[in-house]
C-alpha atoms as a PDB file:
ATOM      1  CA  MET A   1      68.442   9.378 131.170  1.00  0.00           C
ATOM      2  CA  VAL A   2      66.768   6.748 133.269  1.00  0.00           C
ATOM      3  CA  LEU A   3      67.397   6.541 137.007  1.00  0.00           C
ATOM      4  CA  GLY A   4      69.628   3.466 136.800  1.00  0.00           C
ATOM      5  CA  ASN A   5      71.984   5.175 134.397  1.00  0.00           C
ATOM      6  CA  SER A   6      72.052   8.243 136.637  1.00  0.00           C
ATOM      7  CA  LEU A   7      72.860   6.074 139.657  1.00  0.00           C
ATOM      8  CA  PHE A   8      75.657   4.337 137.765  1.00  0.00           C
ATOM      9  CA  HIS A   9      77.299   7.565 136.566  1.00  0.00           C
ATOM     10  CA  ALA A  10      76.944   9.296 139.943  1.00  0.00           C
ATOM     11  CA  ARG A  11      78.565   6.295 141.651  1.00  0.00           C
ATOM     12  CA  LYS A  12      81.409   6.239 139.134  1.00  0.00           C
ATOM     13  CA  LYS A  13      81.974   9.982 139.525  1.00  0.00           C
ATOM     14  CA  ALA A  14      82.116   9.490 143.308  1.00  0.00           C
ATOM     15  CA  GLY A  15      84.795   6.826 142.737  1.00  0.00           C
ATOM     16  CA  LEU A  16      82.904   4.056 144.494  1.00  0.00           C
ATOM     17  CA  THR A  17      82.366   0.405 143.619  1.00  0.00           C
ATOM     18  CA  GLN A  18      79.015  -1.346 143.861  1.00  0.00           C
ATOM     19  CA  GLU A  19      80.421  -3.301 146.808  1.00  0.00           C
ATOM     20  CA  GLU A  20      81.397  -0.125 148.679  1.00  0.00           C
ATOM     21  CA  VAL A  21      77.979   1.428 148.138  1.00  0.00           C
ATOM     22  CA  ALA A  22      76.230  -1.772 149.176  1.00  0.00           C
ATOM     23  CA  GLU A  23      78.259  -1.928 152.381  1.00  0.00           C
ATOM     24  CA  CYS A  24      77.466   1.703 153.248  1.00  0.00           C
ATOM     25  CA  LEU A  25      73.745   1.166 152.690  1.00  0.00           C
ATOM     26  CA  GLY A  26      73.501  -2.283 154.242  1.00  0.00           C
ATOM     27  CA  VAL A  27      72.269  -3.965 151.063  1.00  0.00           C
ATOM     28  CA  SER A  28      73.789  -6.504 148.676  1.00  0.00           C
ATOM     29  CA  ARG A  29      75.971  -5.656 145.699  1.00  0.00           C
ATOM     30  CA  GLN A  30      73.298  -7.328 143.567  1.00  0.00           C
ATOM     31  CA  THR A  31      70.748  -4.805 144.842  1.00  0.00           C
ATOM     32  CA  ILE A  32      72.972  -1.937 143.692  1.00  0.00           C
ATOM     33  CA  GLY A  33      73.375  -3.688 140.334  1.00  0.00           C
ATOM     34  CA  LYS A  34      69.599  -4.067 139.961  1.00  0.00           C
ATOM     35  CA  TRP A  35      69.067  -0.376 140.743  1.00  0.00           C
ATOM     36  CA  GLU A  36      71.659   0.619 138.148  1.00  0.00           C
ATOM     37  CA  ALA A  37      70.138  -1.772 135.586  1.00  0.00           C
ATOM     38  CA  ASP A  38      66.650  -0.350 136.233  1.00  0.00           C
ATOM     39  CA  GLU A  39      65.414  -3.791 137.306  1.00  0.00           C
ATOM     40  CA  THR A  40      64.288  -2.376 140.654  1.00  0.00           C
ATOM     41  CA  LEU A  41      64.266   1.069 142.272  1.00  0.00           C
ATOM     42  CA  PRO A  42      65.663   2.218 145.610  1.00  0.00           C
ATOM     43  CA  ASP A  43      63.064   3.536 148.045  1.00  0.00           C
ATOM     44  CA  ILE A  44      63.115   7.215 148.960  1.00  0.00           C
ATOM     45  CA  ARG A  45      65.237   6.666 152.100  1.00  0.00           C
ATOM     46  CA  GLN A  46      67.832   4.699 150.147  1.00  0.00           C
ATOM     47  CA  SER A  47      67.768   7.331 147.384  1.00  0.00           C
ATOM     48  CA  LYS A  48      68.494  10.073 149.907  1.00  0.00           C
ATOM     49  CA  ARG A  49      71.346   8.017 151.362  1.00  0.00           C
ATOM     50  CA  LEU A  50      72.735   7.435 147.848  1.00  0.00           C
ATOM     51  CA  ALA A  51      72.630  11.162 147.121  1.00  0.00           C
ATOM     52  CA  THR A  52      74.491  11.901 150.351  1.00  0.00           C
ATOM     53  CA  LEU A  53      77.039   9.180 149.651  1.00  0.00           C
ATOM     54  CA  TYR A  54      77.628  10.488 146.124  1.00  0.00           C
ATOM     55  CA  GLY A  55      77.844  14.101 147.296  1.00  0.00           C
ATOM     56  CA  VAL A  56      74.869  15.370 145.303  1.00  0.00           C
ATOM     57  CA  THR A  57      71.348  16.489 146.128  1.00  0.00           C
ATOM     58  CA  LEU A  58      68.469  14.101 145.574  1.00  0.00           C
ATOM     59  CA  ASP A  59      67.311  16.229 142.631  1.00  0.00           C
ATOM     60  CA  GLU A  60      70.800  16.130 141.134  1.00  0.00           C
ATOM     61  CA  LEU A  61      70.930  12.362 141.575  1.00  0.00           C
ATOM     62  CA  ILE A  62      67.619  11.879 139.813  1.00  0.00           C
ATOM     63  CA  GLU A  63      68.628  14.181 136.982  1.00  0.00           C
ATOM     64  CA  PHE A  64      72.344  13.321 136.977  1.00  0.00           C
ATOM     65  CA  ASP A  65      73.644  14.019 133.490  1.00  0.00           C
ATOM     66  CA  LEU A  66      77.121  12.764 132.713  1.00  0.00           C
ATOM     67  CA  ASP A  67      77.476  15.159 129.783  1.00  0.00           C
ATOM     68  CA  VAL A  68      76.901  18.194 132.019  1.00  0.00           C
ATOM     69  CA  SER A  69      79.330  16.928 134.636  1.00  0.00           C
ATOM     70  CA  GLN A  70      81.951  16.276 131.946  1.00  0.00           C
ATOM     71  CA  VAL A  71      81.561  19.830 130.642  1.00  0.00           C
ATOM     72  CA  GLU A  72      81.881  21.237 134.164  1.00  0.00           C
ATOM     73  CA  GLU A  73      85.023  19.177 134.774  1.00  0.00           C
ATOM     74  CA  ALA A  74      86.522  20.282 131.447  1.00  0.00           C
ATOM     75  CA  ILE A  75      85.875  23.914 132.362  1.00  0.00           C
ATOM     76  CA  GLU A  76      87.557  23.432 135.744  1.00  0.00           C
ATOM     77  CA  ARG A  77      90.621  21.845 134.077  1.00  0.00           C
ATOM     78  CA  SER A  78      90.958  24.468 131.361  1.00  0.00           C
ATOM     79  CA  ASN A  79      93.496  27.260 131.448  1.00  0.00           C
ATOM     80  CA  GLU A  80      94.193  30.392 129.412  1.00  0.00           C
ATOM     81  CA  GLU A  81      96.757  28.691 127.180  1.00  0.00           C
ATOM     82  CA  LEU A  82      94.297  25.931 126.248  1.00  0.00           C
ATOM     83  CA  GLU A  83      91.466  28.415 125.726  1.00  0.00           C
ATOM     84  CA  GLU A  84      93.632  30.378 123.262  1.00  0.00           C
ATOM     85  CA  LYS A  85      94.090  27.233 121.139  1.00  0.00           C
ATOM     86  CA  ILE A  86      90.356  26.648 120.719  1.00  0.00           C
ATOM     87  CA  ASP A  87      88.447  28.437 117.974  1.00  0.00           C
ATOM     88  CA  TRP A  88      85.134  28.612 119.850  1.00  0.00           C
ATOM     89  CA  THR A  89      83.294  30.213 116.941  1.00  0.00           C
ATOM     90  CA  SER A  90      84.181  27.353 114.612  1.00  0.00           C
ATOM     91  CA  ALA A  91      83.450  24.766 117.270  1.00  0.00           C
ATOM     92  CA  TRP A  92      79.994  26.174 118.054  1.00  0.00           C
ATOM     93  CA  ALA A  93      79.276  26.876 114.369  1.00  0.00           C
ATOM     94  CA  LYS A  94      78.954  23.133 113.828  1.00  0.00           C
ATOM     95  CA  LYS A  95      75.828  23.259 115.979  1.00  0.00           C
ATOM     96  CA  TYR A  96      74.807  26.855 115.209  1.00  0.00           C
ATOM     97  CA  PRO A  97      75.635  27.648 111.553  1.00  0.00           C
ATOM     98  CA  ILE A  98      74.785  31.344 112.001  1.00  0.00           C
ATOM     99  CA  LEU A  99      78.143  31.729 113.746  1.00  0.00           C
ATOM    100  CA  ALA A 100      79.922  30.885 110.507  1.00  0.00           C
ATOM    101  CA  LYS A 101      77.973  33.328 108.349  1.00  0.00           C
ATOM    102  CA  TYR A 102      76.844  36.362 110.364  1.00  0.00           C
ATOM    103  CA  GLN A 103      80.135  38.217 109.817  1.00  0.00           C
ATOM    104  CA  GLY A 104      79.162  38.823 106.189  1.00  0.00           C
ATOM    105  CA  GLU A 105      75.659  39.993 107.076  1.00  0.00           C
ATOM    106  CA  VAL A 106      75.984  42.145 110.199  1.00  0.00           C
ATOM    107  CA  ASN A 107      77.435  45.634 110.651  1.00  0.00           C
ATOM    108  CA  ILE A 108      79.965  44.382 113.193  1.00  0.00           C
ATOM    109  CA  PRO A 109      81.651  47.768 113.889  1.00  0.00           C
ATOM    110  CA  LEU A 110      78.267  49.255 114.865  1.00  0.00           C
ATOM    111  CA  TYR A 111      77.491  46.472 117.344  1.00  0.00           C
ATOM    112  CA  ALA A 112      81.097  46.403 118.551  1.00  0.00           C
ATOM    113  CA  ARG A 113      80.911  50.122 119.487  1.00  0.00           C
ATOM    114  CA  ARG A 114      77.703  49.556 121.455  1.00  0.00           C
ATOM    115  CA  ILE A 115      79.120  46.513 123.204  1.00  0.00           C
ATOM    116  CA  ARG A 116      82.377  48.363 123.953  1.00  0.00           C
ATOM    117  CA  GLN A 117      80.330  51.126 125.589  1.00  0.00           C
ATOM    118  CA  MET A 118      78.481  48.598 127.763  1.00  0.00           C
ATOM    119  CA  LEU A 119      81.753  46.898 128.731  1.00  0.00           C
ATOM    120  CA  ASP A 120      83.282  50.246 129.682  1.00  0.00           C
ATOM    121  CA  GLU A 121      80.206  51.128 131.752  1.00  0.00           C
ATOM    122  CA  LEU A 122      80.369  47.838 133.649  1.00  0.00           C
ATOM    123  CA  LYS A 123      84.064  48.357 134.322  1.00  0.00           C
ATOM    124  CA  ALA A 124      83.601  51.949 135.501  1.00  0.00           C
ATOM    125  CA  GLU A 125      80.458  51.399 137.578  1.00  0.00           C
ATOM    126  CA  HIS A 126      81.528  48.144 139.238  1.00  0.00           C
ATOM    127  CA  GLY A 127      85.312  48.145 139.014  1.00  0.00           C
ATOM    128  CA  TYR A 128      85.286  44.988 136.892  1.00  0.00           C
ATOM    129  CA  SER A 129      88.275  43.847 134.895  1.00  0.00           C
ATOM    130  CA  GLU A 130      87.894  43.577 131.127  1.00  0.00           C
ATOM    131  CA  LEU A 131      87.304  39.813 131.425  1.00  0.00           C
ATOM    132  CA  ASP A 132      84.802  40.157 134.282  1.00  0.00           C
ATOM    133  CA  ALA A 133      82.867  42.830 132.383  1.00  0.00           C
ATOM    134  CA  MET A 134      82.745  40.625 129.267  1.00  0.00           C
ATOM    135  CA  LEU A 135      81.555  37.609 131.276  1.00  0.00           C
ATOM    136  CA  ALA A 136      78.909  39.653 133.078  1.00  0.00           C
ATOM    137  CA  LEU A 137      77.665  41.167 129.825  1.00  0.00           C
ATOM    138  CA  LYS A 138      77.586  37.744 128.165  1.00  0.00           C
ATOM    139  CA  ASP A 139      75.585  36.374 131.086  1.00  0.00           C
ATOM    140  CA  ILE A 140      73.157  39.314 131.009  1.00  0.00           C
ATOM    141  CA  LEU A 141      72.620  38.819 127.266  1.00  0.00           C
ATOM    142  CA  TYR A 142      72.003  35.100 127.803  1.00  0.00           C
ATOM    143  CA  GLY A 143      69.480  35.893 130.549  1.00  0.00           C
ATOM    144  CA  VAL A 144      67.615  38.306 128.260  1.00  0.00           C
ATOM    145  CA  TRP A 145      67.545  35.653 125.527  1.00  0.00           C
ATOM    146  CA  LYS A 146      66.261  32.974 127.957  1.00  0.00           C
ATOM    147  CA  GLN A 147      63.472  35.262 129.171  1.00  0.00           C
ATOM    148  CA  ALA A 148      62.413  35.986 125.592  1.00  0.00           C
ATOM    149  CA  LYS A 149      62.513  32.288 124.759  1.00  0.00           C
ATOM    150  CA  ALA A 150      60.375  31.453 127.802  1.00  0.00           C
ATOM    151  CA  ALA A 151      57.895  34.138 126.759  1.00  0.00           C
ATOM    152  CA  GLY A 152      57.683  32.586 123.303  1.00  0.00           C
ATOM    153  CA  VAL A 153      59.399  35.432 121.464  1.00  0.00           C
ATOM    154  CA  LYS A 154      60.925  34.199 118.199  1.00  0.00           C
END
């Protein structure tokens, strides 16, 4: 994303018009429009004021990604009933085909026993619920994968 697009989406998410932002910053609505169209750029002071006005950090404003914010909002709005309706494996398999085929290739009961043991250990050692233990284990696994990826392990 370019900065103008980020400024536009951050402003929209904050529920503000170009006129309202312009008034707060003491500039014209046309100036806001030029920033959002990438015709000109706000200086660093104005950028910091924009970030404050939009309720984000300066880094977040520069890297504002509407897709990420939409995902975060969808997660916040979701509930257990909705989650039960979604076949996450099928949904993610469109992007990661391995999810549609590993069941025929992997000794699932073997891995399931090992994972069950780790879940039980997390629950016993930390008093986690079943869901909390699963989420913690999932996050630990993701962290291990990210570290390996960063180290160039294939």
